[in-house]
Amino acid sequence: MHKTISIDTTALESLQELNAHLYDNGCHLIFVGLNKQAQSLFKRSGFLKQLKPEQIQYNLADAINTATAMVAPTNQRTESTA
């Protein structure tokens, strides 16, 4: 999201709904490269407190590593039951 110039409250509400929907379905939304405006809005709105620390990543490589680690336990369970 480093190229996103700004996020308004409507977009923030959509992101909150998407995050909740994904979480309810066992998935995680990961934000990468939030700019200062987005970070500030996430904090002021309380959305940042709803997110797990690993859902905020500063670069794509870290985000990919985090996402891989998040799904690894699920994949291991699936493979062991097959």
Protein backbone atom coordinates (compact mmCIF):
# COMPACT_ATOMS: atom_id res chain seq x y z
CA MET A 1 0.00 0.00 0.00
CA HIS A 2 3.01 2.31 -0.16
CA LYS A 3 1.69 3.80 -3.42
CA THR A 4 -1.72 4.53 -1.91
CA ILE A 5 -1.90 8.27 -1.40
CA SER A 6 -4.70 8.26 1.15
CA ILE A 7 -7.49 6.14 2.59
CA ASP A 8 -10.85 7.63 3.48
CA THR A 9 -13.24 6.33 6.13
CA THR A 10 -15.35 4.45 3.57
CA ALA A 11 -12.30 2.54 2.38
CA LEU A 12 -11.30 1.90 5.99
CA GLU A 13 -14.74 0.44 6.76
CA SER A 14 -14.42 -1.84 3.75
CA LEU A 15 -10.99 -3.00 4.91
CA GLN A 16 -12.36 -3.67 8.40
CA GLU A 17 -15.23 -5.71 6.98
CA LEU A 18 -12.90 -7.63 4.68
CA ASN A 19 -10.50 -8.34 7.55
CA ALA A 20 -13.36 -9.64 9.75
CA HIS A 21 -14.77 -11.78 6.92
CA LEU A 22 -11.39 -13.30 6.14
CA TYR A 23 -10.66 -13.95 9.82
CA ASP A 24 -14.04 -15.67 10.26
CA ASN A 25 -13.08 -17.95 7.37
CA GLY A 26 -9.62 -18.79 8.69
CA CYS A 27 -7.72 -16.34 6.49
CA HIS A 28 -5.65 -13.26 7.23
CA LEU A 29 -5.29 -9.93 5.48
CA ILE A 30 -1.71 -8.65 5.44
CA PHE A 31 -0.97 -4.98 4.83
CA VAL A 32 2.37 -4.21 3.21
CA GLY A 33 4.15 -0.87 3.13
CA LEU A 34 1.51 1.31 4.78
CA ASN A 35 2.26 4.98 4.34
CA LYS A 36 2.08 7.43 7.26
CA GLN A 37 -1.46 8.58 6.45
CA ALA A 38 -2.79 5.02 6.41
CA GLN A 39 -0.90 4.14 9.59
CA SER A 40 -2.34 7.19 11.31
CA LEU A 41 -5.90 6.42 10.21
CA PHE A 42 -5.57 2.76 11.27
CA LYS A 43 -4.37 3.92 14.70
CA ARG A 44 -6.92 6.73 15.21
CA SER A 45 -9.84 4.52 14.17
CA GLY A 46 -8.85 1.62 16.41
CA PHE A 47 -8.40 -0.69 13.43
CA LEU A 48 -4.73 -1.18 14.27
CA LYS A 49 -5.74 -2.75 17.61
CA GLN A 50 -7.96 -5.23 15.74
CA LEU A 51 -5.02 -6.46 13.69
CA LYS A 52 -2.41 -8.96 14.80
CA PRO A 53 1.14 -7.57 14.66
CA GLU A 54 2.04 -9.92 11.80
CA GLN A 55 -0.72 -8.39 9.66
CA ILE A 56 1.38 -5.25 9.23
CA GLN A 57 4.52 -5.79 7.17
CA TYR A 58 6.94 -3.21 5.85
CA ASN A 59 8.11 -5.00 2.72
CA LEU A 60 6.88 -7.71 0.36
CA ALA A 61 9.56 -10.26 1.26
CA ASP A 62 8.57 -10.12 4.95
CA ALA A 63 4.89 -10.33 4.02
CA ILE A 64 5.48 -13.45 1.92
CA ASN A 65 7.48 -15.07 4.72
CA THR A 66 4.73 -14.21 7.22
CA ALA A 67 1.98 -15.54 4.96
CA THR A 68 3.94 -18.75 4.39
CA ALA A 69 4.37 -19.22 8.14
CA MET A 70 0.66 -18.57 8.71
CA VAL A 71 -0.43 -21.33 6.31
CA ALA A 72 2.31 -23.84 7.13
CA PRO A 73 0.54 -25.31 10.19
CA THR A 74 -2.64 -25.77 8.13
CA ASN A 75 -0.75 -27.50 5.33
CA GLN A 76 1.08 -29.77 7.78
CA ARG A 77 -2.22 -30.88 9.38
CA THR A 78 -3.70 -31.61 5.97
CA GLU A 79 -0.68 -33.65 4.88
CA SER A 80 -0.55 -35.66 8.12
CA THR A 81 -4.22 -36.68 7.87
CA ALA A 82 -3.97 -37.75 4.22
